[in-house]
Amino acid sequence: MIRVRTLILGGGLTGLSTAWHLERRARDTGDASMASYLLVERDARLGGLTRTEEIQGYFFDHTGHWLHLRYPEMKAFVDEVMGDEMHRVARRSRIWSHGALTHFPFQANLFGLPLPVVHKCLQGAIDASLKEARGEFGPPAHFEDYCRQKFGDGITDAFMVPYNTKLWGVQPQEIAADWCHRFLPRPNLSQMTSGALGLVDDQAGYNASFVYPRTGGIETFARAIVRGIPTDKVRLNTQPTKIDLQKRTCVLSDGQVVQYEQLVSSVALPDLLDLATDVPPEVVEARSMLRCTEMTYLLYGIARPVLDDIQWLYVPDPTTPFYRIGSFSNAVPSLAPAGKSGLYVEVANDRPIRLDEVKTSVRAFLRERGWLDDDTQVEVEVARHLKYGYVVFDQHYFPAKEAIFPWLQQQGVHSLGRYGAWVYSSMEDALWDGYGVAMGLEARRSA
């Protein structure tokens, strides 16, 4: 039996940040017990979803992994591990809807849309603002209700409903409103009017700029963190097979048993609960209510510049079987051979997936926009699938978490990261989760 103070399950950003900061705290405090941990990763290398795949000279991440930093502690951490290997990139995102290419976010940049659409969106925003001022709105019942209160019917119908239906795979009436405040910038009427006149504000939203490695893809960042973690505290190609939360023991796939004091897990919450013994019936029932989309995406290497200078493009059109196209190389040119483009295409979740139809649709879309001359320019076209994509914030979401997480905490379990905490979150949130555990802090997320 191996005995450690902290057992870390999962070698993604949450697990790496936990281990790195435990090492740092042990050095800073002189308390060697802080560095008593074991990091277990099921795959052959660390990084989790922050890994990069190289195909024919193109570097592909698991879709867009742009690092947005708002916490001073995390900015200092990234600077320390990366130095000048990381650089800042200004966001260049657009939306293709109603036959027009407009700036992001939709609600602040109506210029270029057909005039009837602009009129409906502005009139709806004015009506919603007046109703809010008169106190006619109560707490939003669901996500669509939130959008109608904050943006009006026009913007909700033109973008919010069709885009989010494709992303979540369910109707917006099924989604709770509580998750979205941080991720949906709300311009005032003056800003909306300016945007409708073409006075673009490219700084709106939480992701107006981001940092990213100069070369090698996002895995360069993960590898930089790994350099601060002793290899003898890492088990690769290993995963938990059984966790006794009362005895605080974990059986690993190599047959070894780990005795721990606290468990830090970024394993997807349903999978973690499935590994645990003696789970109370109310927690088992809550686990059955957890919902998440799967994610299918396509990776493209194209022998010409694509998307002009756009880094990612939202496509809300309900008839199109994908909702976003991103360009790795438009953000960081080193991610594709000179004069070529590396793309990712996220497949819609609101319909059965037929990859041949999606591929045909992607090529047709690029040709119609003048971004593809002929199919011979497509050098890479591969599909990838992830079991977990976007956590669904339905009416069962908050009651389920209220039943699960207090019980886990009583068992000494920190279930963290995007799928461990079962949240919609950023890479920085994953870093902060690991930092918070190592420093004895509560996880911090801005509303």
Protein backbone atom coordinates (compact mmCIF):
# COMPACT_ATOMS: atom_id res chain seq x y z
CA MET A 1 0.00 0.00 0.00
CA ILE A 2 1.17 3.51 -0.90
CA ARG A 3 0.42 6.23 1.66
CA VAL A 4 0.21 9.86 0.60
CA ARG A 5 -1.34 12.99 1.98
CA THR A 6 -2.98 13.88 -1.36
CA LEU A 7 -4.08 11.60 -4.16
CA ILE A 8 -4.62 13.47 -7.43
CA LEU A 9 -6.75 11.76 -10.08
CA GLY A 10 -6.35 13.27 -13.53
CA GLY A 11 -3.37 14.93 -15.17
CA GLY A 12 -5.16 17.83 -16.84
CA LEU A 13 -4.72 21.44 -15.78
CA THR A 14 -6.46 20.96 -12.44
CA GLY A 15 -4.27 18.03 -11.43
CA LEU A 16 -1.08 19.65 -12.76
CA SER A 17 -1.82 22.91 -10.95
CA THR A 18 -2.52 21.02 -7.73
CA ALA A 19 0.76 19.13 -7.87
CA TRP A 20 2.83 22.16 -8.93
CA HIS A 21 1.45 24.34 -6.16
CA LEU A 22 1.82 21.60 -3.53
CA GLU A 23 5.51 21.47 -4.44
CA ARG A 24 5.72 25.25 -4.19
CA ARG A 25 3.94 25.39 -0.84
CA ALA A 26 6.18 22.65 0.57
CA ARG A 27 9.25 24.69 -0.40
CA ASP A 28 7.84 27.96 0.88
CA THR A 29 6.65 26.60 4.24
CA GLY A 30 9.27 23.92 4.87
CA ASP A 31 6.41 21.46 5.44
CA ALA A 32 7.47 18.37 3.49
CA SER A 33 4.10 16.71 4.06
CA MET A 34 2.56 19.15 1.60
CA ALA A 35 4.55 17.46 -1.16
CA SER A 36 3.31 14.00 -0.18
CA TYR A 37 1.10 13.27 -3.16
CA LEU A 38 0.63 10.94 -6.11
CA LEU A 39 -0.68 12.12 -9.48
CA VAL A 40 -2.47 9.41 -11.47
CA GLU A 41 -3.17 9.83 -15.20
CA ARG A 42 -4.86 7.20 -17.37
CA ASP A 43 -3.14 8.27 -20.60
CA ALA A 44 0.47 8.00 -21.71
CA ARG A 45 1.25 11.69 -21.19
CA LEU A 46 0.03 14.49 -18.98
CA GLY A 47 -2.10 17.42 -20.09
CA GLY A 48 -5.64 16.07 -20.33
CA LEU A 49 -7.59 18.20 -22.77
CA THR A 50 -4.70 20.67 -22.97
CA ARG A 51 -2.80 18.39 -25.30
CA THR A 52 -1.85 19.04 -28.90
CA GLU A 53 -1.93 16.67 -31.86
CA GLU A 54 0.48 17.15 -34.78
CA ILE A 55 -0.66 15.92 -38.22
CA GLN A 56 1.34 16.67 -41.37
CA GLY A 57 2.88 19.78 -39.89
CA TYR A 58 -0.40 21.13 -38.47
CA PHE A 59 -0.82 21.50 -34.70
CA PHE A 60 -4.34 20.79 -33.43
CA ASP A 61 -5.69 21.30 -29.91
CA HIS A 62 -8.96 19.81 -28.64
CA THR A 63 -10.82 22.73 -30.31
CA GLY A 64 -10.05 26.24 -29.07
CA HIS A 65 -7.94 26.41 -25.92
CA TRP A 66 -7.30 30.12 -25.51
CA LEU A 67 -6.17 31.10 -22.02
CA HIS A 68 -8.00 34.08 -20.51
CA LEU A 69 -6.45 35.38 -17.27
CA ARG A 70 -8.15 37.62 -14.71
CA TYR A 71 -6.66 36.50 -11.37
CA PRO A 72 -3.31 38.08 -10.40
CA GLU A 73 -2.16 34.78 -8.87
CA MET A 74 -2.74 32.91 -12.10
CA LYS A 75 -1.06 35.58 -14.20
CA ALA A 76 1.99 35.27 -11.97
CA PHE A 77 1.87 31.47 -12.23
CA VAL A 78 1.71 31.50 -16.03
CA ASP A 79 4.53 34.04 -16.22
CA GLU A 80 6.70 31.88 -13.97
CA VAL A 81 6.25 28.61 -15.82
CA MET A 82 6.19 30.02 -19.35
CA GLY A 83 8.35 33.15 -19.32
CA ASP A 84 8.42 34.68 -22.80
CA GLU A 85 7.10 31.48 -24.40
CA MET A 86 3.56 32.87 -23.92
CA HIS A 87 2.27 35.87 -25.82
CA ARG A 88 -0.96 37.87 -25.83
CA VAL A 89 -3.35 37.76 -28.77
CA ALA A 90 -6.22 40.18 -29.44
CA ARG A 91 -9.50 38.40 -30.14
CA ARG A 92 -10.78 38.46 -33.71
CA SER A 93 -14.09 36.60 -33.68
CA ARG A 94 -17.07 36.99 -35.99
CA ILE A 95 -20.61 35.70 -36.53
CA TRP A 96 -22.11 34.45 -39.77
CA SER A 97 -25.88 34.89 -39.69
CA HIS A 98 -28.65 36.16 -41.97
CA GLY A 99 -26.21 36.18 -44.87
CA ALA A 100 -23.84 38.62 -43.18
CA LEU A 101 -20.51 38.58 -41.37
CA THR A 102 -20.68 40.63 -38.15
CA HIS A 103 -18.49 41.24 -35.15
CA PHE A 104 -18.79 39.38 -31.84
CA PRO A 105 -20.71 39.63 -29.56
CA PHE A 106 -23.89 39.65 -31.62
CA GLN A 107 -25.87 41.83 -29.18
CA ALA A 108 -23.34 44.66 -29.41
CA ASN A 109 -22.57 44.51 -33.13
CA LEU A 110 -25.69 44.50 -35.30
CA PHE A 111 -24.12 46.51 -38.12
CA GLY A 112 -24.10 44.63 -41.43
CA LEU A 113 -27.22 42.57 -40.75
CA PRO A 114 -30.29 43.09 -42.96
CA LEU A 115 -32.09 46.27 -41.85
CA PRO A 116 -35.31 44.46 -40.80
CA VAL A 117 -33.22 42.26 -38.49
CA VAL A 118 -31.41 45.29 -37.04
CA HIS A 119 -34.72 47.06 -36.46
CA LYS A 120 -36.28 44.07 -34.72
CA CYS A 121 -33.22 43.60 -32.52
CA LEU A 122 -33.02 47.26 -31.47
CA GLN A 123 -36.75 47.58 -30.91
CA GLY A 124 -36.74 44.43 -28.82
CA ALA A 125 -33.83 45.71 -26.73
CA ILE A 126 -35.64 49.02 -26.13
CA ASP A 127 -38.85 47.26 -25.14
CA ALA A 128 -36.98 44.96 -22.72
CA SER A 129 -35.13 47.90 -21.18
CA LEU A 130 -38.39 49.79 -20.61
CA LYS A 131 -40.05 46.75 -19.05
CA GLU A 132 -37.07 46.28 -16.77
CA ALA A 133 -37.19 49.94 -15.74
CA ARG A 134 -40.90 49.58 -14.91
CA GLY A 135 -40.18 46.52 -12.77
CA GLU A 136 -42.19 44.19 -14.95
CA PHE A 137 -39.66 41.36 -14.89
CA GLY A 138 -39.33 38.78 -12.18
CA PRO A 139 -36.42 36.36 -11.79
CA PRO A 140 -35.82 34.66 -15.16
CA ALA A 141 -37.37 31.21 -15.27
CA HIS A 142 -34.77 29.78 -17.65
CA PHE A 143 -32.03 30.78 -20.08
CA GLU A 144 -34.34 31.91 -22.88
CA ASP A 145 -36.30 34.01 -20.39
CA TYR A 146 -33.01 35.56 -19.21
CA CYS A 147 -32.09 36.48 -22.80
CA ARG A 148 -35.48 38.03 -23.51
CA GLN A 149 -35.24 40.14 -20.35
CA LYS A 150 -31.66 41.27 -20.90
CA PHE A 151 -31.46 41.54 -24.71
CA GLY A 152 -35.04 41.59 -26.00
CA ASP A 153 -36.97 39.33 -28.34
CA GLY A 154 -35.13 40.29 -31.53
CA ILE A 155 -31.62 39.37 -30.38
CA THR A 156 -32.94 36.31 -28.59
CA ASP A 157 -34.70 34.98 -31.69
CA ALA A 158 -31.95 35.98 -34.15
CA PHE A 159 -28.98 34.55 -32.26
CA MET A 160 -29.36 33.40 -28.66
CA VAL A 161 -31.96 30.68 -29.23
CA PRO A 162 -30.62 29.13 -32.46
CA TYR A 163 -26.96 29.22 -31.47
CA ASN A 164 -27.41 27.87 -27.95
CA THR A 165 -29.81 25.18 -29.14
CA LYS A 166 -27.07 23.87 -31.42
CA LEU A 167 -24.44 24.12 -28.69
CA TRP A 168 -26.37 22.56 -25.77
CA GLY A 169 -28.49 20.15 -27.79
CA VAL A 170 -31.63 21.12 -25.86
CA GLN A 171 -34.09 23.98 -26.09
CA PRO A 172 -33.04 27.08 -24.10
CA GLN A 173 -36.20 26.74 -21.98
CA GLU A 174 -34.55 23.65 -20.44
CA ILE A 175 -31.43 25.57 -19.41
CA ALA A 176 -31.22 27.46 -16.12
CA ALA A 177 -30.26 31.13 -16.21
CA ASP A 178 -27.79 31.11 -13.32
CA TRP A 179 -24.69 29.99 -15.25
CA CYS A 180 -24.49 32.70 -17.88
CA HIS A 181 -23.85 36.13 -16.30
CA ARG A 182 -20.08 36.00 -16.72
CA PHE A 183 -20.14 34.62 -20.24
CA LEU A 184 -22.82 36.83 -21.86
CA PRO A 185 -21.80 40.51 -21.98
CA ARG A 186 -24.80 42.83 -21.74
CA PRO A 187 -24.33 46.11 -23.61
CA ASN A 188 -26.51 49.09 -22.72
CA LEU A 189 -28.79 50.73 -25.28
CA SER A 190 -26.18 53.32 -26.20
CA GLN A 191 -23.63 50.59 -26.92
CA MET A 192 -26.18 48.60 -28.94
CA THR A 193 -27.02 51.68 -31.01
CA SER A 194 -23.35 52.38 -31.63
CA GLY A 195 -22.83 48.76 -32.68
CA ALA A 196 -25.78 48.96 -35.06
CA LEU A 197 -24.15 52.00 -36.69
CA GLY A 198 -20.85 50.20 -37.16
CA LEU A 199 -18.95 51.63 -34.18
CA VAL A 200 -17.40 48.32 -33.20
CA ASP A 201 -16.33 47.53 -29.64
CA ASP A 202 -13.97 44.58 -29.90
CA GLN A 203 -13.27 44.68 -26.14
CA ALA A 204 -16.72 43.46 -25.06
CA GLY A 205 -16.88 40.18 -23.15
CA TYR A 206 -14.56 38.23 -20.90
CA ASN A 207 -12.40 36.99 -23.79
CA ALA A 208 -11.37 40.20 -25.58
CA SER A 209 -7.79 38.92 -25.54
CA PHE A 210 -6.00 35.76 -24.50
CA VAL A 211 -2.55 34.32 -24.05
CA TYR A 212 -1.18 31.31 -25.88
CA PRO A 213 2.19 29.61 -26.43
CA ARG A 214 4.23 30.99 -29.31
CA THR A 215 4.89 27.49 -30.67
CA GLY A 216 3.76 23.90 -30.24
CA GLY A 217 0.10 24.42 -29.32
CA ILE A 218 -1.50 24.56 -25.88
CA GLU A 219 0.39 21.45 -24.76
CA THR A 220 3.50 23.61 -24.55
CA PHE A 221 1.87 25.20 -21.50
CA ALA A 222 1.00 21.84 -19.93
CA ARG A 223 4.57 20.64 -20.47
CA ALA A 224 5.93 23.75 -18.80
CA ILE A 225 3.90 22.96 -15.67
CA VAL A 226 5.03 19.32 -15.78
CA ARG A 227 8.67 20.45 -15.52
CA GLY A 228 7.94 21.51 -11.94
CA ILE A 229 6.54 18.10 -10.90
CA PRO A 230 8.89 15.24 -9.92
CA THR A 231 8.43 12.25 -12.20
CA ASP A 232 8.47 9.80 -9.28
CA LYS A 233 5.19 11.31 -8.06
CA VAL A 234 3.40 10.61 -11.35
CA ARG A 235 1.77 7.38 -12.59
CA LEU A 236 0.95 7.33 -16.30
CA ASN A 237 -1.17 4.72 -18.09
CA THR A 238 -2.90 4.15 -14.77
CA GLN A 239 -6.42 4.81 -13.58
CA PRO A 240 -8.55 4.20 -10.50
CA THR A 241 -10.74 1.12 -10.52
CA LYS A 242 -12.35 1.41 -7.08
CA ILE A 243 -12.46 4.12 -4.41
CA ASP A 244 -13.49 3.42 -0.82
CA LEU A 245 -14.33 6.91 0.38
CA GLN A 246 -14.88 5.87 3.99
CA LYS A 247 -11.53 4.12 4.29
CA ARG A 248 -9.94 6.70 1.95
CA THR A 249 -8.30 4.09 -0.22
CA CYS A 250 -8.10 3.86 -3.99
CA VAL A 251 -7.32 0.75 -6.02
CA LEU A 252 -5.36 1.48 -9.20
CA SER A 253 -5.40 -0.41 -12.47
CA ASP A 254 -1.86 -1.68 -11.81
CA GLY A 255 -3.14 -3.42 -8.66
CA GLN A 256 -1.64 -1.03 -6.12
CA VAL A 257 -3.70 0.47 -3.33
CA VAL A 258 -3.25 4.10 -2.29
CA GLN A 259 -4.12 5.31 1.18
CA TYR A 260 -4.76 9.06 1.15
CA GLU A 261 -5.91 11.84 3.45
CA GLN A 262 -7.55 13.96 0.77
CA LEU A 263 -8.57 13.19 -2.79
CA VAL A 264 -8.34 15.76 -5.57
CA SER A 265 -10.21 14.54 -8.62
CA SER A 266 -10.81 16.06 -12.04
CA VAL A 267 -12.40 12.82 -13.21
CA ALA A 268 -15.83 13.58 -14.67
CA LEU A 269 -18.25 13.66 -11.75
CA PRO A 270 -20.50 10.77 -12.94
CA ASP A 271 -17.44 8.57 -13.50
CA LEU A 272 -16.03 9.44 -10.07
CA LEU A 273 -19.29 8.47 -8.37
CA ASP A 274 -19.40 5.23 -10.35
CA LEU A 275 -15.96 4.33 -8.92
CA ALA A 276 -16.99 4.99 -5.32
CA THR A 277 -18.33 2.38 -2.89
CA ASP A 278 -21.22 2.79 -0.46
CA VAL A 279 -22.70 5.81 -2.21
CA PRO A 280 -25.91 6.92 -0.42
CA PRO A 281 -29.16 6.38 -2.37
CA GLU A 282 -29.86 10.12 -2.58
CA VAL A 283 -26.45 10.70 -4.17
CA VAL A 284 -27.00 7.82 -6.60
CA GLU A 285 -30.31 9.41 -7.62
CA ALA A 286 -28.67 12.82 -8.00
CA ARG A 287 -25.92 11.30 -10.15
CA SER A 288 -28.59 9.96 -12.53
CA MET A 289 -29.81 13.53 -13.11
CA LEU A 290 -26.46 14.87 -14.34
CA ARG A 291 -26.55 15.71 -18.06
CA CYS A 292 -23.78 16.62 -20.46
CA THR A 293 -23.48 16.84 -24.22
CA GLU A 294 -20.93 14.76 -26.04
CA MET A 295 -18.60 16.63 -28.38
CA THR A 296 -17.75 15.74 -31.93
CA TYR A 297 -15.44 18.00 -33.87
CA LEU A 298 -13.50 17.96 -37.12
CA LEU A 299 -9.90 19.01 -37.67
CA TYR A 300 -8.88 20.50 -41.00
CA GLY A 301 -5.57 21.29 -42.58
CA ILE A 302 -6.13 23.39 -45.69
CA ALA A 303 -3.46 24.45 -48.17
CA ARG A 304 -4.47 28.12 -48.32
CA PRO A 305 -5.41 30.94 -45.91
CA VAL A 306 -8.92 30.44 -44.53
CA LEU A 307 -11.36 32.65 -42.56
CA ASP A 308 -9.40 35.81 -43.51
CA ASP A 309 -8.03 36.95 -40.11
CA ILE A 310 -10.89 35.44 -38.05
CA GLN A 311 -9.86 33.21 -35.13
CA TRP A 312 -13.29 31.73 -34.52
CA LEU A 313 -16.63 32.09 -36.26
CA TYR A 314 -20.07 31.47 -34.73
CA VAL A 315 -22.71 29.97 -37.03
CA PRO A 316 -26.22 30.09 -35.49
CA ASP A 317 -28.08 29.08 -38.68
CA PRO A 318 -30.31 26.12 -37.63
CA THR A 319 -29.84 24.43 -41.02
CA THR A 320 -26.05 24.21 -40.65
CA PRO A 321 -24.81 21.06 -38.82
CA PHE A 322 -22.01 22.90 -37.00
CA TYR A 323 -22.06 25.89 -34.68
CA ARG A 324 -18.48 27.15 -34.63
CA ILE A 325 -15.41 27.13 -36.85
CA GLY A 326 -12.08 28.15 -35.36
CA SER A 327 -8.68 28.77 -36.87
CA PHE A 328 -5.67 27.81 -34.79
CA SER A 329 -3.29 29.38 -37.30
CA ASN A 330 -5.10 32.73 -37.49
CA ALA A 331 -4.43 33.11 -33.78
CA VAL A 332 -0.87 31.71 -33.85
CA PRO A 333 0.64 31.29 -37.34
CA SER A 334 3.19 28.71 -36.17
CA LEU A 335 0.37 26.16 -35.74
CA ALA A 336 0.19 25.52 -39.50
CA PRO A 337 2.74 25.42 -42.34
CA ALA A 338 3.35 28.78 -44.01
CA GLY A 339 0.46 29.87 -46.21
CA LYS A 340 -1.86 27.16 -44.86
CA SER A 341 -4.62 27.00 -42.24
CA GLY A 342 -5.44 24.70 -39.35
CA LEU A 343 -9.13 24.63 -38.40
CA TYR A 344 -11.50 23.01 -35.93
CA VAL A 345 -15.23 22.64 -36.56
CA GLU A 346 -17.60 21.90 -33.66
CA VAL A 347 -20.56 19.75 -34.69
CA ALA A 348 -24.07 20.70 -33.57
CA ASN A 349 -25.60 18.71 -30.72
CA ASP A 350 -29.27 19.18 -31.59
CA ARG A 351 -29.53 16.52 -34.30
CA PRO A 352 -28.25 13.05 -35.18
CA ILE A 353 -24.67 13.25 -36.42
CA ARG A 354 -23.73 12.00 -39.88
CA LEU A 355 -20.13 12.95 -40.41
CA ASP A 356 -20.27 12.65 -44.19
CA GLU A 357 -23.03 15.28 -44.29
CA VAL A 358 -21.11 17.52 -41.88
CA LYS A 359 -17.97 17.28 -44.00
CA THR A 360 -19.91 18.10 -47.16
CA SER A 361 -21.54 21.04 -45.41
CA VAL A 362 -18.22 22.39 -44.10
CA ARG A 363 -16.61 22.30 -47.53
CA ALA A 364 -19.64 23.93 -49.16
CA PHE A 365 -19.68 26.66 -46.49
CA LEU A 366 -15.99 27.43 -47.02
CA ARG A 367 -16.39 27.50 -50.81
CA GLU A 368 -19.39 29.83 -50.63
CA ARG A 369 -17.44 32.25 -48.44
CA GLY A 370 -14.46 32.16 -50.81
CA TRP A 371 -12.29 30.31 -48.27
CA LEU A 372 -11.82 27.11 -50.31
CA ASP A 373 -11.07 26.90 -54.02
CA ASP A 374 -11.41 23.16 -54.49
CA ASP A 375 -11.31 19.97 -52.43
CA THR A 376 -7.70 19.22 -53.35
CA GLN A 377 -6.68 21.95 -50.89
CA VAL A 378 -8.02 19.87 -47.99
CA GLU A 379 -4.88 18.09 -46.70
CA VAL A 380 -6.25 16.97 -43.32
CA GLU A 381 -9.87 16.13 -42.49
CA VAL A 382 -10.31 13.96 -39.39
CA ALA A 383 -13.04 13.60 -36.78
CA ARG A 384 -12.53 13.46 -33.03
CA HIS A 385 -15.04 12.63 -30.30
CA LEU A 386 -15.13 13.45 -26.60
CA LYS A 387 -17.46 11.74 -24.14
CA TYR A 388 -18.02 15.01 -22.30
CA GLY A 389 -18.63 18.36 -23.97
CA TYR A 390 -20.92 20.92 -22.31
CA VAL A 391 -22.58 20.35 -18.94
CA VAL A 392 -26.33 20.90 -19.28
CA PHE A 393 -27.70 23.33 -16.69
CA ASP A 394 -31.25 22.02 -16.62
CA GLN A 395 -33.81 22.21 -13.79
CA HIS A 396 -32.18 19.23 -12.05
CA TYR A 397 -28.65 20.67 -12.16
CA PHE A 398 -28.53 22.64 -8.91
CA PRO A 399 -30.54 20.17 -6.76
CA ALA A 400 -28.28 17.35 -7.99
CA LYS A 401 -25.10 19.22 -7.07
CA GLU A 402 -26.53 20.18 -3.69
CA ALA A 403 -27.02 16.48 -2.96
CA ILE A 404 -23.62 15.37 -4.24
CA PHE A 405 -20.98 17.90 -3.25
CA PRO A 406 -21.57 18.24 0.52
CA TRP A 407 -21.36 14.45 0.76
CA LEU A 408 -18.12 14.36 -1.25
CA GLN A 409 -16.62 17.09 0.91
CA GLN A 410 -17.43 15.08 4.03
CA GLN A 411 -15.43 12.22 2.50
CA GLY A 412 -12.37 14.44 1.95
CA VAL A 413 -12.95 14.70 -1.81
CA HIS A 414 -12.27 17.83 -3.87
CA SER A 415 -14.02 17.19 -7.19
CA LEU A 416 -12.69 19.98 -9.37
CA GLY A 417 -12.10 21.14 -12.93
CA ARG A 418 -14.70 21.53 -15.65
CA TYR A 419 -16.13 18.03 -15.42
CA GLY A 420 -15.13 17.23 -11.86
CA ALA A 421 -16.95 20.31 -10.56
CA TRP A 422 -19.57 19.85 -13.31
CA VAL A 423 -19.51 23.45 -14.48
CA TYR A 424 -19.04 25.69 -17.51
CA SER A 425 -15.58 27.09 -16.90
CA SER A 426 -12.30 28.22 -18.37
CA MET A 427 -8.75 26.91 -18.27
CA GLU A 428 -7.92 29.54 -15.68
CA ASP A 429 -10.68 28.19 -13.43
CA ALA A 430 -9.04 24.76 -13.63
CA LEU A 431 -5.70 26.28 -12.65
CA TRP A 432 -7.31 28.15 -9.79
CA ASP A 433 -9.01 25.00 -8.51
CA GLY A 434 -5.64 23.28 -8.13
CA TYR A 435 -4.06 26.37 -6.62
CA GLY A 436 -6.93 26.72 -4.16
CA VAL A 437 -6.59 23.16 -2.87
CA ALA A 438 -2.83 23.47 -2.49
CA MET A 439 -3.17 26.77 -0.65
CA GLY A 440 -6.13 25.71 1.47
CA LEU A 441 -8.48 28.18 -0.19
CA GLU A 442 -12.01 27.89 -1.44
CA ALA A 443 -12.44 27.70 -5.21
CA ARG A 444 -13.13 31.17 -6.61
CA ARG A 445 -15.21 31.82 -9.68
CA SER A 446 -16.61 35.15 -10.71
CA ALA A 447 -20.34 35.25 -11.35
